[in-house]
PDB file of N, CA and C in Angstrom:
ATOM      1  N   HIS A   1     146.809  78.996  18.753  1.00  0.00           N
ATOM      2  CA  HIS A   1     147.727  80.146  19.247  1.00  0.00           C
ATOM      3  C   HIS A   1     147.800  81.112  18.143  1.00  0.00           C
ATOM      4  N   ILE A   2     147.478  80.988  16.798  1.00  0.00           N
ATOM      5  CA  ILE A   2     147.615  81.973  15.865  1.00  0.00           C
ATOM      6  C   ILE A   2     146.869  83.282  16.117  1.00  0.00           C
ATOM      7  N   GLY A   3     145.575  83.148  16.689  1.00  0.00           N
ATOM      8  CA  GLY A   3     144.736  84.288  16.940  1.00  0.00           C
ATOM      9  C   GLY A   3     145.222  85.069  17.967  1.00  0.00           C
ATOM     10  N   LYS A   4     145.890  84.435  19.062  1.00  0.00           N
ATOM     11  CA  LYS A   4     146.475  85.157  20.194  1.00  0.00           C
ATOM     12  C   LYS A   4     147.686  85.763  19.722  1.00  0.00           C
ATOM     13  N   ARG A   5     148.551  85.309  18.894  1.00  0.00           N
ATOM     14  CA  ARG A   5     149.711  85.748  18.240  1.00  0.00           C
ATOM     15  C   ARG A   5     149.473  87.065  17.477  1.00  0.00           C
ATOM     16  N   ILE A   6     148.452  87.101  16.800  1.00  0.00           N
ATOM     17  CA  ILE A   6     147.986  87.955  15.937  1.00  0.00           C
ATOM     18  C   ILE A   6     147.636  89.390  16.834  1.00  0.00           C
ATOM     19  N   ASN A   7     146.722  89.018  17.924  1.00  0.00           N
ATOM     20  CA  ASN A   7     146.177  90.092  18.771  1.00  0.00           C
ATOM     21  C   ASN A   7     147.414  90.567  19.676  1.00  0.00           C
ATOM     22  N   ASP A   8     148.196  89.854  20.116  1.00  0.00           N
ATOM     23  CA  ASP A   8     149.265  90.125  20.981  1.00  0.00           C
ATOM     24  C   ASP A   8     150.527  90.794  20.414  1.00  0.00           C
ATOM     25  N   ASP A   9     151.108  90.231  19.293  1.00  0.00           N
ATOM     26  CA  ASP A   9     152.473  90.522  18.759  1.00  0.00           C
ATOM     27  C   ASP A   9     152.243  91.330  17.665  1.00  0.00           C
ATOM     28  N   ILE A  10     151.181  91.262  16.841  1.00  0.00           N
ATOM     29  CA  ILE A  10     151.210  91.875  15.580  1.00  0.00           C
ATOM     30  C   ILE A  10     150.269  93.243  15.900  1.00  0.00           C
ATOM     31  N   LEU A  11     149.092  92.977  16.434  1.00  0.00           N
ATOM     32  CA  LEU A  11     148.221  94.203  16.486  1.00  0.00           C
ATOM     33  C   LEU A  11     148.536  94.895  17.893  1.00  0.00           C
ATOM     34  N   GLN A  12     149.093  94.244  18.798  1.00  0.00           N
ATOM     35  CA  GLN A  12     149.363  94.673  20.082  1.00  0.00           C
ATOM     36  C   GLN A  12     148.090  95.084  20.814  1.00  0.00           C
ATOM     37  N   ASN A  13     147.001  94.204  20.594  1.00  0.00           N
ATOM     38  CA  ASN A  13     145.628  94.466  21.212  1.00  0.00           C
ATOM     39  C   ASN A  13     145.051  95.692  20.949  1.00  0.00           C
ATOM     40  N   LYS A  14     145.242  96.344  19.906  1.00  0.00           N
ATOM     41  CA  LYS A  14     144.667  97.503  19.253  1.00  0.00           C
ATOM     42  C   LYS A  14     143.651  97.084  18.218  1.00  0.00           C
ATOM     43  N   ARG A  15     142.582  97.970  18.222  1.00  0.00           N
ATOM     44  CA  ARG A  15     141.524  97.683  17.371  1.00  0.00           C
ATOM     45  C   ARG A  15     141.290  98.749  16.216  1.00  0.00           C
ATOM     46  N   ALA A  16     142.456  99.132  15.744  1.00  0.00           N
ATOM     47  CA  ALA A  16     142.377 100.333  14.882  1.00  0.00           C
ATOM     48  C   ALA A  16     142.082  99.925  13.434  1.00  0.00           C
ATOM     49  N   GLU A  17     141.675 100.828  12.569  1.00  0.00           N
ATOM     50  CA  GLU A  17     141.428 100.418  11.130  1.00  0.00           C
ATOM     51  C   GLU A  17     142.507  99.739  10.302  1.00  0.00           C
ATOM     52  N   TYR A  18     143.753 100.208  10.819  1.00  0.00           N
ATOM     53  CA  TYR A  18     144.777  99.649   9.980  1.00  0.00           C
ATOM     54  C   TYR A  18     144.966  98.024  10.223  1.00  0.00           C
ATOM     55  N   GLY A  19     144.416  97.775  11.236  1.00  0.00           N
ATOM     56  CA  GLY A  19     144.381  96.028  11.476  1.00  0.00           C
ATOM     57  C   GLY A  19     143.762  95.312  10.581  1.00  0.00           C
ATOM     58  N   LYS A  20     142.824  95.855   9.927  1.00  0.00           N
ATOM     59  CA  LYS A  20     142.122  95.018   8.782  1.00  0.00           C
ATOM     60  C   LYS A  20     143.073  94.793   7.600  1.00  0.00           C
ATOM     61  N   GLU A  21     143.845  95.966   7.205  1.00  0.00           N
ATOM     62  CA  GLU A  21     145.019  95.776   6.280  1.00  0.00           C
ATOM     63  C   GLU A  21     145.963  94.876   6.800  1.00  0.00           C
ATOM     64  N   VAL A  22     146.375  94.999   8.053  1.00  0.00           N
ATOM     65  CA  VAL A  22     147.619  94.203   8.463  1.00  0.00           C
ATOM     66  C   VAL A  22     147.178  92.549   8.414  1.00  0.00           C
ATOM     67  N   VAL A  23     145.801  92.312   8.836  1.00  0.00           N
ATOM     68  CA  VAL A  23     145.326  91.036   8.806  1.00  0.00           C
ATOM     69  C   VAL A  23     145.262  90.614   7.489  1.00  0.00           C
ATOM     70  N   ALA A  24     144.855  91.284   6.534  1.00  0.00           N
ATOM     71  CA  ALA A  24     144.741  90.911   4.894  1.00  0.00           C
ATOM     72  C   ALA A  24     146.239  90.592   4.557  1.00  0.00           C
ATOM     73  N   SER A  25     147.053  91.394   4.983  1.00  0.00           N
ATOM     74  CA  SER A  25     148.440  91.420   4.398  1.00  0.00           C
ATOM     75  C   SER A  25     149.134  89.892   5.045  1.00  0.00           C
ATOM     76  N   LEU A  26     148.908  89.864   6.295  1.00  0.00           N
ATOM     77  CA  LEU A  26     149.405  88.599   6.798  1.00  0.00           C
ATOM     78  C   LEU A  26     148.630  87.345   6.322  1.00  0.00           C
ATOM     79  N   SER A  27     147.356  87.547   5.976  1.00  0.00           N
ATOM     80  CA  SER A  27     146.512  86.303   5.262  1.00  0.00           C
ATOM     81  C   SER A  27     147.342  85.906   4.003  1.00  0.00           C
ATOM     82  N   ARG A  28     147.792  86.902   3.146  1.00  0.00           N
ATOM     83  CA  ARG A  28     148.330  86.852   1.935  1.00  0.00           C
ATOM     84  C   ARG A  28     149.805  86.016   2.169  1.00  0.00           C
ATOM     85  N   GLN A  29     150.425  86.486   3.082  1.00  0.00           N
ATOM     86  CA  GLN A  29     151.837  85.932   3.483  1.00  0.00           C
ATOM     87  C   GLN A  29     151.759  84.516   4.056  1.00  0.00           C
ATOM     88  N   LEU A  30     150.758  84.293   4.959  1.00  0.00           N
ATOM     89  CA  LEU A  30     150.619  82.921   5.299  1.00  0.00           C
ATOM     90  C   LEU A  30     150.155  82.025   4.303  1.00  0.00           C
ATOM     91  N   THR A  31     149.310  82.300   3.611  1.00  0.00           N
ATOM     92  CA  THR A  31     148.868  81.580   2.616  1.00  0.00           C
ATOM     93  C   THR A  31     149.868  81.051   1.375  1.00  0.00           C
ATOM     94  N   ALA A  32     150.685  82.144   1.127  1.00  0.00           N
ATOM     95  CA  ALA A  32     151.880  81.860   0.203  1.00  0.00           C
ATOM     96  C   ALA A  32     152.836  80.860   0.883  1.00  0.00           C
ATOM     97  N   GLU A  33     153.024  81.105   2.058  1.00  0.00           N
ATOM     98  CA  GLU A  33     154.107  80.111   2.828  1.00  0.00           C
ATOM     99  C   GLU A  33     153.642  78.773   3.071  1.00  0.00           C
ATOM    100  N   TYR A  34     152.244  78.802   3.753  1.00  0.00           N
ATOM    101  CA  TYR A  34     151.706  77.558   4.351  1.00  0.00           C
ATOM    102  C   TYR A  34     150.511  76.942   3.443  1.00  0.00           C
ATOM    103  N   GLY A  35     150.103  77.663   2.482  1.00  0.00           N
ATOM    104  CA  GLY A  35     148.745  77.101   2.004  1.00  0.00           C
ATOM    105  C   GLY A  35     147.446  77.418   2.260  1.00  0.00           C
ATOM    106  N   LYS A  36     146.557  76.745   2.045  1.00  0.00           N
ATOM    107  CA  LYS A  36     145.282  77.102   2.255  1.00  0.00           C
ATOM    108  C   LYS A  36     144.858  77.098   3.797  1.00  0.00           C
ATOM    109  N   GLY A  37     143.837  77.775   4.356  1.00  0.00           N
ATOM    110  CA  GLY A  37     143.430  77.675   5.652  1.00  0.00           C
ATOM    111  C   GLY A  37     143.779  79.240   6.338  1.00  0.00           C
ATOM    112  N   PHE A  38     144.514  80.031   5.783  1.00  0.00           N
ATOM    113  CA  PHE A  38     144.784  81.150   6.283  1.00  0.00           C
ATOM    114  C   PHE A  38     144.292  82.486   5.505  1.00  0.00           C
ATOM    115  N   THR A  39     143.040  82.255   5.077  1.00  0.00           N
ATOM    116  CA  THR A  39     142.093  83.372   4.592  1.00  0.00           C
ATOM    117  C   THR A  39     141.910  84.458   5.594  1.00  0.00           C
ATOM    118  N   ASN A  40     141.719  85.568   4.960  1.00  0.00           N
ATOM    119  CA  ASN A  40     141.534  86.831   5.974  1.00  0.00           C
ATOM    120  C   ASN A  40     140.149  86.556   6.865  1.00  0.00           C
ATOM    121  N   THR A  41     139.144  85.781   6.436  1.00  0.00           N
ATOM    122  CA  THR A  41     138.074  85.335   7.176  1.00  0.00           C
ATOM    123  C   THR A  41     138.435  84.418   8.371  1.00  0.00           C
ATOM    124  N   ASN A  42     139.445  83.415   7.997  1.00  0.00           N
ATOM    125  CA  ASN A  42     139.817  82.482   9.194  1.00  0.00           C
ATOM    126  C   ASN A  42     140.687  83.270  10.065  1.00  0.00           C
ATOM    127  N   LEU A  43     141.570  83.973   9.678  1.00  0.00           N
ATOM    128  CA  LEU A  43     142.487  84.918  10.728  1.00  0.00           C
ATOM    129  C   LEU A  43     141.483  85.586  11.542  1.00  0.00           C
ATOM    130  N   VAL A  44     140.609  86.344  11.064  1.00  0.00           N
ATOM    131  CA  VAL A  44     139.683  87.251  12.045  1.00  0.00           C
ATOM    132  C   VAL A  44     138.919  86.171  12.774  1.00  0.00           C
ATOM    133  N   ARG A  45     138.448  84.974  12.606  1.00  0.00           N
ATOM    134  CA  ARG A  45     137.867  84.010  13.296  1.00  0.00           C
ATOM    135  C   ARG A  45     138.828  83.657  14.561  1.00  0.00           C
ATOM    136  N   MET A  46     140.070  83.285  14.007  1.00  0.00           N
ATOM    137  CA  MET A  46     141.114  83.091  14.860  1.00  0.00           C
ATOM    138  C   MET A  46     141.556  84.090  16.027  1.00  0.00           C
ATOM    139  N   ARG A  47     141.403  85.238  15.655  1.00  0.00           N
ATOM    140  CA  ARG A  47     141.510  86.449  16.534  1.00  0.00           C
ATOM    141  C   ARG A  47     140.376  86.313  17.536  1.00  0.00           C
ATOM    142  N   GLN A  48     139.121  86.263  17.011  1.00  0.00           N
ATOM    143  CA  GLN A  48     137.984  86.158  17.740  1.00  0.00           C
ATOM    144  C   GLN A  48     137.915  85.197  18.812  1.00  0.00           C
ATOM    145  N   PHE A  49     138.419  84.023  18.380  1.00  0.00           N
ATOM    146  CA  PHE A  49     138.468  82.826  19.213  1.00  0.00           C
ATOM    147  C   PHE A  49     139.296  83.086  20.409  1.00  0.00           C
ATOM    148  N   ALA A  50     140.468  83.567  20.097  1.00  0.00           N
ATOM    149  CA  ALA A  50     141.428  83.915  21.181  1.00  0.00           C
ATOM    150  C   ALA A  50     140.879  84.826  22.137  1.00  0.00           C
ATOM    151  N   GLU A  51     140.025  85.833  21.681  1.00  0.00           N
ATOM    152  CA  GLU A  51     139.490  86.783  22.652  1.00  0.00           C
ATOM    153  C   GLU A  51     138.356  86.070  23.444  1.00  0.00           C
ATOM    154  N   LEU A  52     137.680  85.286  23.033  1.00  0.00           N
ATOM    155  CA  LEU A  52     136.588  84.627  23.451  1.00  0.00           C
ATOM    156  C   LEU A  52     136.857  83.529  24.550  1.00  0.00           C
ATOM    157  N   PHE A  53     138.131  82.893  24.201  1.00  0.00           N
ATOM    158  CA  PHE A  53     138.428  81.632  24.933  1.00  0.00           C
ATOM    159  C   PHE A  53     139.865  81.910  25.330  1.00  0.00           C
ATOM    160  N   PRO A  54     140.164  82.707  26.210  1.00  0.00           N
ATOM    161  CA  PRO A  54     141.668  83.208  26.446  1.00  0.00           C
ATOM    162  C   PRO A  54     142.321  82.046  27.519  1.00  0.00           C
ATOM    163  N   ASP A  55     141.749  81.202  28.116  1.00  0.00           N
ATOM    164  CA  ASP A  55     142.165  80.108  28.940  1.00  0.00           C
ATOM    165  C   ASP A  55     142.713  79.032  28.102  1.00  0.00           C
ATOM    166  N   ILE A  56     143.861  78.665  28.187  1.00  0.00           N
ATOM    167  CA  ILE A  56     144.462  77.898  27.297  1.00  0.00           C
ATOM    168  C   ILE A  56     144.089  76.376  27.713  1.00  0.00           C
ATOM    169  N   GLU A  57     143.635  76.138  28.895  1.00  0.00           N
ATOM    170  CA  GLU A  57     143.285  74.671  29.507  1.00  0.00           C
ATOM    171  C   GLU A  57     141.827  74.436  29.068  1.00  0.00           C
ATOM    172  N   ILE A  58     141.091  75.463  28.790  1.00  0.00           N
ATOM    173  CA  ILE A  58     139.714  75.380  28.280  1.00  0.00           C
ATOM    174  C   ILE A  58     139.760  75.098  26.791  1.00  0.00           C
ATOM    175  N   VAL A  59     140.581  75.868  26.101  1.00  0.00           N
ATOM    176  CA  VAL A  59     141.017  75.502  24.594  1.00  0.00           C
ATOM    177  C   VAL A  59     141.343  74.169  24.554  1.00  0.00           C
ATOM    178  N   ALA A  60     142.438  73.697  25.282  1.00  0.00           N
ATOM    179  CA  ALA A  60     142.695  72.431  25.052  1.00  0.00           C
ATOM    180  C   ALA A  60     141.760  71.254  25.024  1.00  0.00           C
ATOM    181  N   SER A  61     140.935  71.613  26.018  1.00  0.00           N
ATOM    182  CA  SER A  61     139.707  70.639  26.331  1.00  0.00           C
ATOM    183  C   SER A  61     138.790  70.618  25.170  1.00  0.00           C
ATOM    184  N   LEU A  62     138.553  71.897  24.781  1.00  0.00           N
ATOM    185  CA  LEU A  62     137.612  71.962  23.653  1.00  0.00           C
ATOM    186  C   LEU A  62     138.047  71.405  22.160  1.00  0.00           C
ATOM    187  N   THR A  63     139.475  71.706  22.086  1.00  0.00           N
ATOM    188  CA  THR A  63     139.846  71.168  20.693  1.00  0.00           C
ATOM    189  C   THR A  63     139.968  69.494  20.638  1.00  0.00           C
ATOM    190  N   GLN A  64     139.873  68.861  21.885  1.00  0.00           N
ATOM    191  CA  GLN A  64     139.618  67.495  21.912  1.00  0.00           C
ATOM    192  C   GLN A  64     138.377  67.018  21.532  1.00  0.00           C
ATOM    193  N   GLN A  65     137.462  67.964  21.803  1.00  0.00           N
ATOM    194  CA  GLN A  65     136.033  67.443  21.847  1.00  0.00           C
ATOM    195  C   GLN A  65     135.299  68.012  20.456  1.00  0.00           C
ATOM    196  N   LEU A  66     135.779  69.241  20.054  1.00  0.00           N
ATOM    197  CA  LEU A  66     135.090  69.894  19.046  1.00  0.00           C
ATOM    198  C   LEU A  66     135.996  70.100  17.815  1.00  0.00           C
ATOM    199  N   THR A  67     135.555  70.305  16.541  1.00  0.00           N
ATOM    200  CA  THR A  67     136.246  70.712  15.333  1.00  0.00           C
ATOM    201  C   THR A  67     136.465  72.126  15.297  1.00  0.00           C
ATOM    202  N   TRP A  68     137.100  72.647  14.320  1.00  0.00           N
ATOM    203  CA  TRP A  68     137.237  74.052  13.894  1.00  0.00           C
ATOM    204  C   TRP A  68     135.878  74.396  13.475  1.00  0.00           C
ATOM    205  N   THR A  69     135.077  73.703  12.679  1.00  0.00           N
ATOM    206  CA  THR A  69     133.823  74.036  12.262  1.00  0.00           C
ATOM    207  C   THR A  69     133.003  74.193  13.318  1.00  0.00           C
ATOM    208  N   HIS A  70     132.939  73.434  14.349  1.00  0.00           N
ATOM    209  CA  HIS A  70     132.099  73.576  15.592  1.00  0.00           C
ATOM    210  C   HIS A  70     132.378  74.925  16.245  1.00  0.00           C
ATOM    211  N   MET A  71     133.674  75.313  16.164  1.00  0.00           N
ATOM    212  CA  MET A  71     134.109  76.493  16.913  1.00  0.00           C
ATOM    213  C   MET A  71     133.627  77.727  16.022  1.00  0.00           C
ATOM    214  N   VAL A  72     133.593  77.612  14.700  1.00  0.00           N
ATOM    215  CA  VAL A  72     133.069  78.532  13.921  1.00  0.00           C
ATOM    216  C   VAL A  72     131.571  78.935  14.134  1.00  0.00           C
ATOM    217  N   GLU A  73     130.901  77.855  14.359  1.00  0.00           N
ATOM    218  CA  GLU A  73     129.592  77.974  14.544  1.00  0.00           C
ATOM    219  C   GLU A  73     129.058  78.550  16.113  1.00  0.00           C
ATOM    220  N   ILE A  74     130.108  78.444  16.866  1.00  0.00           N
ATOM    221  CA  ILE A  74     129.796  78.929  18.289  1.00  0.00           C
ATOM    222  C   ILE A  74     130.265  80.459  18.455  1.00  0.00           C
ATOM    223  N   LEU A  75     131.240  80.820  17.703  1.00  0.00           N
ATOM    224  CA  LEU A  75     131.773  82.258  17.640  1.00  0.00           C
ATOM    225  C   LEU A  75     130.806  83.408  17.621  1.00  0.00           C
ATOM    226  N   PRO A  76     129.702  83.161  16.828  1.00  0.00           N
ATOM    227  CA  PRO A  76     128.733  84.260  16.573  1.00  0.00           C
ATOM    228  C   PRO A  76     127.996  84.484  17.865  1.00  0.00           C
ATOM    229  N   ILE A  77     127.842  83.514  18.725  1.00  0.00           N
ATOM    230  CA  ILE A  77     126.855  83.709  19.743  1.00  0.00           C
ATOM    231  C   ILE A  77     127.251  84.883  20.690  1.00  0.00           C
ATOM    232  N   LYS A  78     126.473  85.684  21.007  1.00  0.00           N
ATOM    233  CA  LYS A  78     126.808  86.926  21.664  1.00  0.00           C
ATOM    234  C   LYS A  78     126.741  86.505  23.135  1.00  0.00           C
ATOM    235  N   ASN A  79     125.649  85.884  23.570  1.00  0.00           N
ATOM    236  CA  ASN A  79     125.395  85.370  24.963  1.00  0.00           C
ATOM    237  C   ASN A  79     126.524  84.549  25.669  1.00  0.00           C
ATOM    238  N   GLN A  80     127.342  84.847  26.559  1.00  0.00           N
ATOM    239  CA  GLN A  80     128.324  84.179  26.784  1.00  0.00           C
ATOM    240  C   GLN A  80     127.950  82.890  27.567  1.00  0.00           C
ATOM    241  N   LEU A  81     126.803  82.951  28.201  1.00  0.00           N
ATOM    242  CA  LEU A  81     126.267  81.714  28.983  1.00  0.00           C
ATOM    243  C   LEU A  81     125.892  80.672  27.822  1.00  0.00           C
ATOM    244  N   LYS A  82     125.145  81.106  26.935  1.00  0.00           N
ATOM    245  CA  LYS A  82     124.917  80.277  25.636  1.00  0.00           C
ATOM    246  C   LYS A  82     126.057  79.508  24.970  1.00  0.00           C
ATOM    247  N   ARG A  83     127.153  80.525  24.721  1.00  0.00           N
ATOM    248  CA  ARG A  83     128.246  80.076  24.024  1.00  0.00           C
ATOM    249  C   ARG A  83     129.146  79.096  24.888  1.00  0.00           C
ATOM    250  N   ASP A  84     129.014  79.554  26.225  1.00  0.00           N
ATOM    251  CA  ASP A  84     129.872  78.423  27.283  1.00  0.00           C
ATOM    252  C   ASP A  84     129.337  77.105  27.176  1.00  0.00           C
TER     253      ASP A  84
END
């Protein structure tokens, strides 16, 4: 849900240049509060994941079968059919 929250609540689904700095700042804040796992790269991947897999039912099924490492490998695949 983190990627969806970033896209919807923080960036309001806009892709402006300032979004990069907002995500970088958010990364620093989350890392300070919660520890590892909230690097800028991970937050970008979380946002990308939320965009590519918007259906929560599919995500729930995926997360029971695949790890985050698997997801990171799937994200760069441009062809939707191959990714699915």
